[in-house]
Amino acid sequence: MAIKQDLHHSPTDFGYEFVNWTGKSVAFHISKKWGKTLSIRATIDLFHRLHLTLLRPRYQPAKGDAKKQAWFKKALQKFADRLEPEDHLMFLDEASIKWSATISRMWAEIGHQPIIPQIGGHKGVHIIGAVDPRGDRGFFRFTPRLKAPQFIEFIEYLLHEIPTGKIYLVLDNAKVHHAILVQNFLQLHSRLKFLYLPPYSAQLNPIERFWEYLRQQKTHNAFYPKYEEFETTIQTFIEKFTKPQGIIKSVCGYYEQECQMVTAI
């Protein structure tokens, strides 16, 4: 249906001053384009019949090169298909999880808006992580800061935990990943190879979906009155993924096109 196609575009593409599609703005668009008058309620009913629903958008860097990203996805899939059974294709990233609730939509009684207490400030935990979708497991370390020495400590931990086979790590172009200390370390460990993402392509790293999953499970609309409780909750949650749970393979799988994800050399 044409209206469904129109909703793939921004309202500004049609010359409107409003920037978001709502029941009211879509009703206006239908009136303007097709000369049909619908109430907001009727417009929302139309949404349901077209299998449309409310979704929270996700951020994506505007500077990414679409052609390089598309090539990267195809290259990674081919690369993954050629891996030896003993080798590992993993996805690495750092995350800072604040001691503060992340707000998400939730069910509540009409007229009673939920209230989530907030701590405020920047206190939280820093985590370096790497996920292995094929092996359905993850490796995570809390760290006081995200600098080259801490990054090397994590890589040493990874090499210790995975003693055989080559480890191919997909990661972004953060300065710490190109630091001289890190590059010198790479030269000494032939089992380890870095596969860098194209610039501004965080959405191509499956571990980003794991961080989102972590927040959904542990910080969305969640209040921890004591920092120690927050820290322990996060640590307990991520520790279980060192063994297969069925989650990392599902959340971080890099072949599913619907996840709009993948990575390569």
C-alpha atoms as a PDB file:
ATOM      1  CA  MET A   1       0.000   0.000   0.000  1.00  0.00           C
ATOM      2  CA  ALA A   2       1.289   3.476  -0.903  1.00  0.00           C
ATOM      3  CA  ILE A   3       0.869   4.914   2.596  1.00  0.00           C
ATOM      4  CA  LYS A   4       3.118   2.165   3.941  1.00  0.00           C
ATOM      5  CA  GLN A   5       5.843   3.180   1.494  1.00  0.00           C
ATOM      6  CA  ASP A   6       5.454   6.852   2.415  1.00  0.00           C
ATOM      7  CA  LEU A   7       6.138   6.069   6.073  1.00  0.00           C
ATOM      8  CA  HIS A   8       9.620   4.871   5.079  1.00  0.00           C
ATOM      9  CA  HIS A   9      10.421   8.518   4.365  1.00  0.00           C
ATOM     10  CA  SER A  10      10.633  11.555   6.619  1.00  0.00           C
ATOM     11  CA  PRO A  11       7.638  13.943   6.563  1.00  0.00           C
ATOM     12  CA  THR A  12      10.070  16.639   5.427  1.00  0.00           C
ATOM     13  CA  ASP A  13      10.596  14.674   2.190  1.00  0.00           C
ATOM     14  CA  PHE A  14       7.003  15.603   1.333  1.00  0.00           C
ATOM     15  CA  GLY A  15       7.531  19.269   2.153  1.00  0.00           C
ATOM     16  CA  TYR A  16       5.879  19.218   5.573  1.00  0.00           C
ATOM     17  CA  GLU A  17       7.131  21.298   8.494  1.00  0.00           C
ATOM     18  CA  PHE A  18       6.478  18.536  11.059  1.00  0.00           C
ATOM     19  CA  VAL A  19       9.216  15.920  11.407  1.00  0.00           C
ATOM     20  CA  ASN A  20       7.496  12.877  12.931  1.00  0.00           C
ATOM     21  CA  TRP A  21       4.788  10.486  11.761  1.00  0.00           C
ATOM     22  CA  THR A  22       1.912  10.337  14.268  1.00  0.00           C
ATOM     23  CA  GLY A  23      -1.766   9.474  13.913  1.00  0.00           C
ATOM     24  CA  LYS A  24      -2.518  13.153  13.415  1.00  0.00           C
ATOM     25  CA  SER A  25       0.255  13.826  10.885  1.00  0.00           C
ATOM     26  CA  VAL A  26      -0.520  10.687   8.858  1.00  0.00           C
ATOM     27  CA  ALA A  27      -4.227  11.618   8.758  1.00  0.00           C
ATOM     28  CA  PHE A  28      -3.180  15.021   7.413  1.00  0.00           C
ATOM     29  CA  HIS A  29      -0.930  13.361   4.821  1.00  0.00           C
ATOM     30  CA  ILE A  30      -3.747  11.064   3.646  1.00  0.00           C
ATOM     31  CA  SER A  31      -6.070  14.054   3.323  1.00  0.00           C
ATOM     32  CA  LYS A  32      -3.462  16.049   1.426  1.00  0.00           C
ATOM     33  CA  LYS A  33      -2.365  13.269  -0.942  1.00  0.00           C
ATOM     34  CA  TRP A  34      -5.557  11.283  -1.501  1.00  0.00           C
ATOM     35  CA  GLY A  35      -8.308  13.668  -0.435  1.00  0.00           C
ATOM     36  CA  LYS A  36      -9.684  11.265   2.177  1.00  0.00           C
ATOM     37  CA  THR A  37     -10.570  12.433   5.666  1.00  0.00           C
ATOM     38  CA  LEU A  38      -9.790  10.044   8.523  1.00  0.00           C
ATOM     39  CA  SER A  39     -10.018  10.601  12.251  1.00  0.00           C
ATOM     40  CA  ILE A  40      -6.925   9.912  14.321  1.00  0.00           C
ATOM     41  CA  ARG A  41      -8.624   6.796  15.694  1.00  0.00           C
ATOM     42  CA  ALA A  42      -9.390   5.561  12.169  1.00  0.00           C
ATOM     43  CA  THR A  43      -5.803   6.269  11.138  1.00  0.00           C
ATOM     44  CA  ILE A  44      -4.457   4.198  14.031  1.00  0.00           C
ATOM     45  CA  ASP A  45      -6.866   1.375  13.100  1.00  0.00           C
ATOM     46  CA  LEU A  46      -5.414   1.568   9.595  1.00  0.00           C
ATOM     47  CA  PHE A  47      -1.924   1.218  11.056  1.00  0.00           C
ATOM     48  CA  HIS A  48      -2.956  -2.011  12.785  1.00  0.00           C
ATOM     49  CA  ARG A  49      -4.493  -3.427   9.600  1.00  0.00           C
ATOM     50  CA  LEU A  50      -1.226  -2.698   7.788  1.00  0.00           C
ATOM     51  CA  HIS A  51       0.740  -4.444  10.559  1.00  0.00           C
ATOM     52  CA  LEU A  52       2.391  -1.205  11.662  1.00  0.00           C
ATOM     53  CA  THR A  53       3.351  -0.569  15.248  1.00  0.00           C
ATOM     54  CA  LEU A  54       5.096   2.026  17.399  1.00  0.00           C
ATOM     55  CA  LEU A  55       8.853   1.496  17.480  1.00  0.00           C
ATOM     56  CA  ARG A  56      11.627   3.433  19.146  1.00  0.00           C
ATOM     57  CA  PRO A  57      14.164   4.495  16.465  1.00  0.00           C
ATOM     58  CA  ARG A  58      17.818   3.646  16.953  1.00  0.00           C
ATOM     59  CA  TYR A  59      20.710   5.959  16.254  1.00  0.00           C
ATOM     60  CA  GLN A  60      22.996   5.436  13.278  1.00  0.00           C
ATOM     61  CA  PRO A  61      25.949   7.658  12.398  1.00  0.00           C
ATOM     62  CA  ALA A  62      25.077   9.876   9.446  1.00  0.00           C
ATOM     63  CA  LYS A  63      28.654   9.904   8.120  1.00  0.00           C
ATOM     64  CA  GLY A  64      28.902   6.200   7.305  1.00  0.00           C
ATOM     65  CA  ASP A  65      29.657   5.204   3.709  1.00  0.00           C
ATOM     66  CA  ALA A  66      26.775   2.945   2.598  1.00  0.00           C
ATOM     67  CA  LYS A  67      28.789   1.325  -0.199  1.00  0.00           C
ATOM     68  CA  LYS A  68      31.693   0.450   2.095  1.00  0.00           C
ATOM     69  CA  GLN A  69      29.267  -0.896   4.680  1.00  0.00           C
ATOM     70  CA  ALA A  70      27.466  -3.078   2.126  1.00  0.00           C
ATOM     71  CA  TRP A  71      30.801  -4.431   0.876  1.00  0.00           C
ATOM     72  CA  PHE A  72      31.856  -5.054   4.461  1.00  0.00           C
ATOM     73  CA  LYS A  73      28.804  -7.184   5.211  1.00  0.00           C
ATOM     74  CA  LYS A  74      29.330  -9.381   2.157  1.00  0.00           C
ATOM     75  CA  ALA A  75      33.058  -9.681   2.817  1.00  0.00           C
ATOM     76  CA  LEU A  76      32.512 -10.774   6.394  1.00  0.00           C
ATOM     77  CA  GLN A  77      30.009 -13.419   5.457  1.00  0.00           C
ATOM     78  CA  LYS A  78      32.430 -14.890   2.916  1.00  0.00           C
ATOM     79  CA  PHE A  79      35.250 -14.652   5.435  1.00  0.00           C
ATOM     80  CA  ALA A  80      33.178 -16.402   8.111  1.00  0.00           C
ATOM     81  CA  ASP A  81      32.294 -19.211   5.709  1.00  0.00           C
ATOM     82  CA  ARG A  82      36.001 -19.892   5.113  1.00  0.00           C
ATOM     83  CA  LEU A  83      36.990 -20.097   8.775  1.00  0.00           C
ATOM     84  CA  GLU A  84      38.656 -23.248  10.015  1.00  0.00           C
ATOM     85  CA  PRO A  85      36.668 -25.131  12.710  1.00  0.00           C
ATOM     86  CA  GLU A  86      39.220 -24.247  15.383  1.00  0.00           C
ATOM     87  CA  ASP A  87      39.257 -20.527  14.532  1.00  0.00           C
ATOM     88  CA  HIS A  88      37.127 -17.828  16.156  1.00  0.00           C
ATOM     89  CA  LEU A  89      35.410 -14.791  14.656  1.00  0.00           C
ATOM     90  CA  MET A  90      34.582 -12.399  17.484  1.00  0.00           C
ATOM     91  CA  PHE A  91      33.220  -8.889  17.868  1.00  0.00           C
ATOM     92  CA  LEU A  92      34.755  -6.503  20.378  1.00  0.00           C
ATOM     93  CA  ASP A  93      33.602  -3.222  21.848  1.00  0.00           C
ATOM     94  CA  GLU A  94      33.757  -1.137  24.987  1.00  0.00           C
ATOM     95  CA  ALA A  95      30.697   0.101  26.857  1.00  0.00           C
ATOM     96  CA  SER A  96      30.022   2.486  29.709  1.00  0.00           C
ATOM     97  CA  ILE A  97      26.878   1.600  31.638  1.00  0.00           C
ATOM     98  CA  LYS A  98      25.734   4.442  33.869  1.00  0.00           C
ATOM     99  CA  TRP A  99      24.297   3.999  37.342  1.00  0.00           C
ATOM    100  CA  SER A 100      21.108   5.559  36.090  1.00  0.00           C
ATOM    101  CA  ALA A 101      17.890   4.194  34.634  1.00  0.00           C
ATOM    102  CA  THR A 102      17.473   4.143  30.867  1.00  0.00           C
ATOM    103  CA  ILE A 103      13.899   5.097  30.104  1.00  0.00           C
ATOM    104  CA  SER A 104      11.833   2.798  27.922  1.00  0.00           C
ATOM    105  CA  ARG A 105       8.160   2.425  27.111  1.00  0.00           C
ATOM    106  CA  MET A 106       6.231   0.259  29.571  1.00  0.00           C
ATOM    107  CA  TRP A 107       2.649  -0.739  30.309  1.00  0.00           C
ATOM    108  CA  ALA A 108       0.901   1.322  32.977  1.00  0.00           C
ATOM    109  CA  GLU A 109      -2.573   2.341  34.074  1.00  0.00           C
ATOM    110  CA  ILE A 110      -4.072   5.122  31.962  1.00  0.00           C
ATOM    111  CA  GLY A 111      -3.609   8.465  33.671  1.00  0.00           C
ATOM    112  CA  HIS A 112      -0.832   7.198  35.945  1.00  0.00           C
ATOM    113  CA  GLN A 113       2.509   7.959  34.362  1.00  0.00           C
ATOM    114  CA  PRO A 114       5.248   5.719  35.819  1.00  0.00           C
ATOM    115  CA  ILE A 115       7.918   7.503  37.843  1.00  0.00           C
ATOM    116  CA  ILE A 116      11.483   6.161  37.821  1.00  0.00           C
ATOM    117  CA  PRO A 117      13.861   7.643  40.442  1.00  0.00           C
ATOM    118  CA  GLN A 118      17.116   8.930  38.962  1.00  0.00           C
ATOM    119  CA  ILE A 119      20.548   9.091  40.577  1.00  0.00           C
ATOM    120  CA  GLY A 120      22.115  11.550  38.135  1.00  0.00           C
ATOM    121  CA  GLY A 121      25.807  12.087  37.516  1.00  0.00           C
ATOM    122  CA  HIS A 122      28.221  10.038  35.424  1.00  0.00           C
ATOM    123  CA  LYS A 123      29.101   7.220  37.811  1.00  0.00           C
ATOM    124  CA  GLY A 124      28.896   3.766  36.284  1.00  0.00           C
ATOM    125  CA  VAL A 125      30.891   0.785  35.063  1.00  0.00           C
ATOM    126  CA  HIS A 126      33.232   0.459  32.069  1.00  0.00           C
ATOM    127  CA  ILE A 127      33.232  -2.904  30.314  1.00  0.00           C
ATOM    128  CA  ILE A 128      35.383  -4.355  27.563  1.00  0.00           C
ATOM    129  CA  GLY A 129      33.657  -7.246  25.855  1.00  0.00           C
ATOM    130  CA  ALA A 130      33.947  -9.651  22.947  1.00  0.00           C
ATOM    131  CA  VAL A 131      31.193 -11.965  21.729  1.00  0.00           C
ATOM    132  CA  ASP A 132      31.517 -15.169  19.737  1.00  0.00           C
ATOM    133  CA  PRO A 133      28.120 -15.717  18.047  1.00  0.00           C
ATOM    134  CA  ARG A 134      29.108 -19.050  16.521  1.00  0.00           C
ATOM    135  CA  GLY A 135      30.205 -20.363  19.921  1.00  0.00           C
ATOM    136  CA  ASP A 136      27.295 -18.609  21.696  1.00  0.00           C
ATOM    137  CA  ARG A 137      29.443 -17.086  24.415  1.00  0.00           C
ATOM    138  CA  GLY A 138      30.967 -13.815  25.498  1.00  0.00           C
ATOM    139  CA  PHE A 139      34.019 -12.573  27.352  1.00  0.00           C
ATOM    140  CA  PHE A 140      33.772  -9.459  29.517  1.00  0.00           C
ATOM    141  CA  ARG A 141      35.951  -7.525  31.915  1.00  0.00           C
ATOM    142  CA  PHE A 142      35.198  -4.543  34.117  1.00  0.00           C
ATOM    143  CA  THR A 143      37.896  -1.901  33.825  1.00  0.00           C
ATOM    144  CA  PRO A 144      38.557   1.392  35.648  1.00  0.00           C
ATOM    145  CA  ARG A 145      39.348   3.147  32.346  1.00  0.00           C
ATOM    146  CA  LEU A 146      39.386   2.448  28.628  1.00  0.00           C
ATOM    147  CA  LYS A 147      43.034   3.023  27.716  1.00  0.00           C
ATOM    148  CA  ALA A 148      45.662   0.978  25.849  1.00  0.00           C
ATOM    149  CA  PRO A 149      47.048  -0.885  28.928  1.00  0.00           C
ATOM    150  CA  GLN A 150      43.555  -1.984  29.990  1.00  0.00           C
ATOM    151  CA  PHE A 151      42.737  -2.989  26.424  1.00  0.00           C
ATOM    152  CA  ILE A 152      45.882  -5.129  26.233  1.00  0.00           C
ATOM    153  CA  GLU A 153      44.998  -6.752  29.571  1.00  0.00           C
ATOM    154  CA  PHE A 154      41.649  -7.741  28.106  1.00  0.00           C
ATOM    155  CA  ILE A 155      43.277  -9.192  24.963  1.00  0.00           C
ATOM    156  CA  GLU A 156      45.678 -11.190  27.135  1.00  0.00           C
ATOM    157  CA  TYR A 157      42.694 -12.523  29.062  1.00  0.00           C
ATOM    158  CA  LEU A 158      41.013 -13.466  25.763  1.00  0.00           C
ATOM    159  CA  LEU A 159      44.103 -15.320  24.522  1.00  0.00           C
ATOM    160  CA  HIS A 160      44.290 -17.194  27.818  1.00  0.00           C
ATOM    161  CA  GLU A 161      40.618 -18.178  27.740  1.00  0.00           C
ATOM    162  CA  ILE A 162      40.850 -19.300  24.084  1.00  0.00           C
ATOM    163  CA  PRO A 163      44.182 -21.180  23.957  1.00  0.00           C
ATOM    164  CA  THR A 164      43.851 -22.703  20.469  1.00  0.00           C
ATOM    165  CA  GLY A 165      43.006 -21.492  16.986  1.00  0.00           C
ATOM    166  CA  LYS A 166      43.253 -18.051  15.467  1.00  0.00           C
ATOM    167  CA  ILE A 167      41.172 -15.224  16.916  1.00  0.00           C
ATOM    168  CA  TYR A 168      39.800 -12.692  14.447  1.00  0.00           C
ATOM    169  CA  LEU A 169      38.504  -9.651  16.282  1.00  0.00           C
ATOM    170  CA  VAL A 170      36.111  -7.256  14.560  1.00  0.00           C
ATOM    171  CA  LEU A 171      36.300  -3.818  16.184  1.00  0.00           C
ATOM    172  CA  ASP A 172      35.895  -0.133  15.463  1.00  0.00           C
ATOM    173  CA  ASN A 173      38.537   2.496  14.772  1.00  0.00           C
ATOM    174  CA  ALA A 174      38.796   3.966  18.264  1.00  0.00           C
ATOM    175  CA  LYS A 175      42.238   5.466  18.965  1.00  0.00           C
ATOM    176  CA  VAL A 176      42.984   2.855  21.612  1.00  0.00           C
ATOM    177  CA  HIS A 177      42.623   0.077  19.002  1.00  0.00           C
ATOM    178  CA  HIS A 178      45.341   1.691  16.871  1.00  0.00           C
ATOM    179  CA  ALA A 179      47.629   2.688  19.755  1.00  0.00           C
ATOM    180  CA  ILE A 180      51.336   1.883  19.321  1.00  0.00           C
ATOM    181  CA  LEU A 181      51.292  -0.290  22.462  1.00  0.00           C
ATOM    182  CA  VAL A 182      48.431  -2.312  21.016  1.00  0.00           C
ATOM    183  CA  GLN A 183      50.035  -2.646  17.570  1.00  0.00           C
ATOM    184  CA  ASN A 184      53.289  -3.814  19.153  1.00  0.00           C
ATOM    185  CA  PHE A 185      51.338  -6.386  21.142  1.00  0.00           C
ATOM    186  CA  LEU A 186      49.702  -7.641  17.942  1.00  0.00           C
ATOM    187  CA  GLN A 187      53.118  -8.208  16.366  1.00  0.00           C
ATOM    188  CA  LEU A 188      53.992 -10.617  19.177  1.00  0.00           C
ATOM    189  CA  HIS A 189      50.831 -12.734  18.894  1.00  0.00           C
ATOM    190  CA  SER A 190      50.320 -14.313  15.502  1.00  0.00           C
ATOM    191  CA  ARG A 191      47.091 -16.010  16.623  1.00  0.00           C
ATOM    192  CA  LEU A 192      45.405 -12.633  16.909  1.00  0.00           C
ATOM    193  CA  LYS A 193      44.151 -10.539  13.987  1.00  0.00           C
ATOM    194  CA  PHE A 194      42.161  -7.296  13.987  1.00  0.00           C
ATOM    195  CA  LEU A 195      39.439  -6.692  11.388  1.00  0.00           C
ATOM    196  CA  TYR A 196      38.501  -3.013  11.452  1.00  0.00           C
ATOM    197  CA  LEU A 197      34.989  -1.789  10.735  1.00  0.00           C
ATOM    198  CA  PRO A 198      34.461   0.984   8.190  1.00  0.00           C
ATOM    199  CA  PRO A 199      34.389   4.440   9.835  1.00  0.00           C
ATOM    200  CA  TYR A 200      31.100   5.414  11.493  1.00  0.00           C
ATOM    201  CA  SER A 201      29.688   1.899  11.276  1.00  0.00           C
ATOM    202  CA  ALA A 202      28.924   0.921  14.861  1.00  0.00           C
ATOM    203  CA  GLN A 203      25.646  -0.645  13.708  1.00  0.00           C
ATOM    204  CA  LEU A 204      27.711  -3.278  11.871  1.00  0.00           C
ATOM    205  CA  ASN A 205      29.102  -4.635  15.128  1.00  0.00           C
ATOM    206  CA  PRO A 206      26.829  -7.332  16.641  1.00  0.00           C
ATOM    207  CA  ILE A 207      28.073  -6.696  20.175  1.00  0.00           C
ATOM    208  CA  GLU A 208      26.236  -3.368  20.052  1.00  0.00           C
ATOM    209  CA  ARG A 209      23.033  -5.412  20.150  1.00  0.00           C
ATOM    210  CA  PHE A 210      24.305  -7.226  23.221  1.00  0.00           C
ATOM    211  CA  TRP A 211      24.845  -3.901  25.030  1.00  0.00           C
ATOM    212  CA  GLU A 212      21.299  -2.954  24.061  1.00  0.00           C
ATOM    213  CA  TYR A 213      20.044  -6.309  25.357  1.00  0.00           C
ATOM    214  CA  LEU A 214      21.920  -5.757  28.639  1.00  0.00           C
ATOM    215  CA  ARG A 215      20.252  -2.371  29.089  1.00  0.00           C
ATOM    216  CA  GLN A 216      16.831  -3.803  28.246  1.00  0.00           C
ATOM    217  CA  GLN A 217      17.272  -6.491  30.862  1.00  0.00           C
ATOM    218  CA  LYS A 218      18.974  -4.533  33.642  1.00  0.00           C
ATOM    219  CA  THR A 219      18.738  -0.746  33.307  1.00  0.00           C
ATOM    220  CA  HIS A 220      15.507   0.036  31.409  1.00  0.00           C
ATOM    221  CA  ASN A 221      13.173   1.661  33.967  1.00  0.00           C
ATOM    222  CA  ALA A 222      15.291   0.157  36.747  1.00  0.00           C
ATOM    223  CA  PHE A 223      16.344   2.006  39.893  1.00  0.00           C
ATOM    224  CA  TYR A 224      19.242   0.770  42.037  1.00  0.00           C
ATOM    225  CA  PRO A 225      19.408   2.828  45.255  1.00  0.00           C
ATOM    226  CA  LYS A 226      22.947   1.630  46.028  1.00  0.00           C
ATOM    227  CA  TYR A 227      25.847   1.643  43.570  1.00  0.00           C
ATOM    228  CA  GLU A 228      27.083  -1.718  44.857  1.00  0.00           C
ATOM    229  CA  GLU A 229      23.727  -3.293  43.998  1.00  0.00           C
ATOM    230  CA  PHE A 230      23.883  -1.852  40.477  1.00  0.00           C
ATOM    231  CA  GLU A 231      27.469  -3.017  39.928  1.00  0.00           C
ATOM    232  CA  THR A 232      26.787  -6.536  41.231  1.00  0.00           C
ATOM    233  CA  THR A 233      23.665  -6.848  39.087  1.00  0.00           C
ATOM    234  CA  ILE A 234      25.542  -5.953  35.904  1.00  0.00           C
ATOM    235  CA  GLN A 235      28.473  -8.204  36.734  1.00  0.00           C
ATOM    236  CA  THR A 236      26.270 -11.196  37.618  1.00  0.00           C
ATOM    237  CA  PHE A 237      24.318 -10.711  34.405  1.00  0.00           C
ATOM    238  CA  ILE A 238      27.300 -10.693  32.040  1.00  0.00           C
ATOM    239  CA  GLU A 239      29.239 -13.476  33.801  1.00  0.00           C
ATOM    240  CA  LYS A 240      26.715 -16.123  32.793  1.00  0.00           C
ATOM    241  CA  PHE A 241      27.452 -15.567  29.106  1.00  0.00           C
ATOM    242  CA  THR A 242      30.884 -17.201  29.343  1.00  0.00           C
ATOM    243  CA  LYS A 243      28.862 -20.401  28.758  1.00  0.00           C
ATOM    244  CA  PRO A 244      26.284 -20.907  25.986  1.00  0.00           C
ATOM    245  CA  GLN A 245      22.856 -19.557  26.929  1.00  0.00           C
ATOM    246  CA  GLY A 246      21.293 -19.385  23.470  1.00  0.00           C
ATOM    247  CA  ILE A 247      21.224 -15.590  23.802  1.00  0.00           C
ATOM    248  CA  ILE A 248      24.433 -14.363  22.174  1.00  0.00           C
ATOM    249  CA  LYS A 249      23.916 -16.609  19.158  1.00  0.00           C
ATOM    250  CA  SER A 250      20.411 -15.175  18.788  1.00  0.00           C
ATOM    251  CA  VAL A 251      21.056 -11.523  19.656  1.00  0.00           C
ATOM    252  CA  CYS A 252      24.468 -11.188  18.012  1.00  0.00           C
ATOM    253  CA  GLY A 253      24.128 -13.500  15.033  1.00  0.00           C
ATOM    254  CA  TYR A 254      25.754 -11.835  12.044  1.00  0.00           C
ATOM    255  CA  TYR A 255      23.953 -13.604   9.201  1.00  0.00           C
ATOM    256  CA  GLU A 256      20.418 -12.382   9.976  1.00  0.00           C
ATOM    257  CA  GLN A 257      19.628  -9.572   7.570  1.00  0.00           C
ATOM    258  CA  GLU A 258      16.750  -8.352   9.710  1.00  0.00           C
ATOM    259  CA  CYS A 259      19.331  -7.326  12.307  1.00  0.00           C
ATOM    260  CA  GLN A 260      20.948  -5.120   9.644  1.00  0.00           C
ATOM    261  CA  MET A 261      24.314  -6.248  10.813  1.00  0.00           C
ATOM    262  CA  VAL A 262      27.580  -7.897   9.892  1.00  0.00           C
ATOM    263  CA  THR A 263      31.290  -7.162   9.627  1.00  0.00           C
ATOM    264  CA  ALA A 264      34.447  -7.917   7.649  1.00  0.00           C
ATOM    265  CA  ILE A 265      38.059  -7.436   6.885  1.00  0.00           C
END
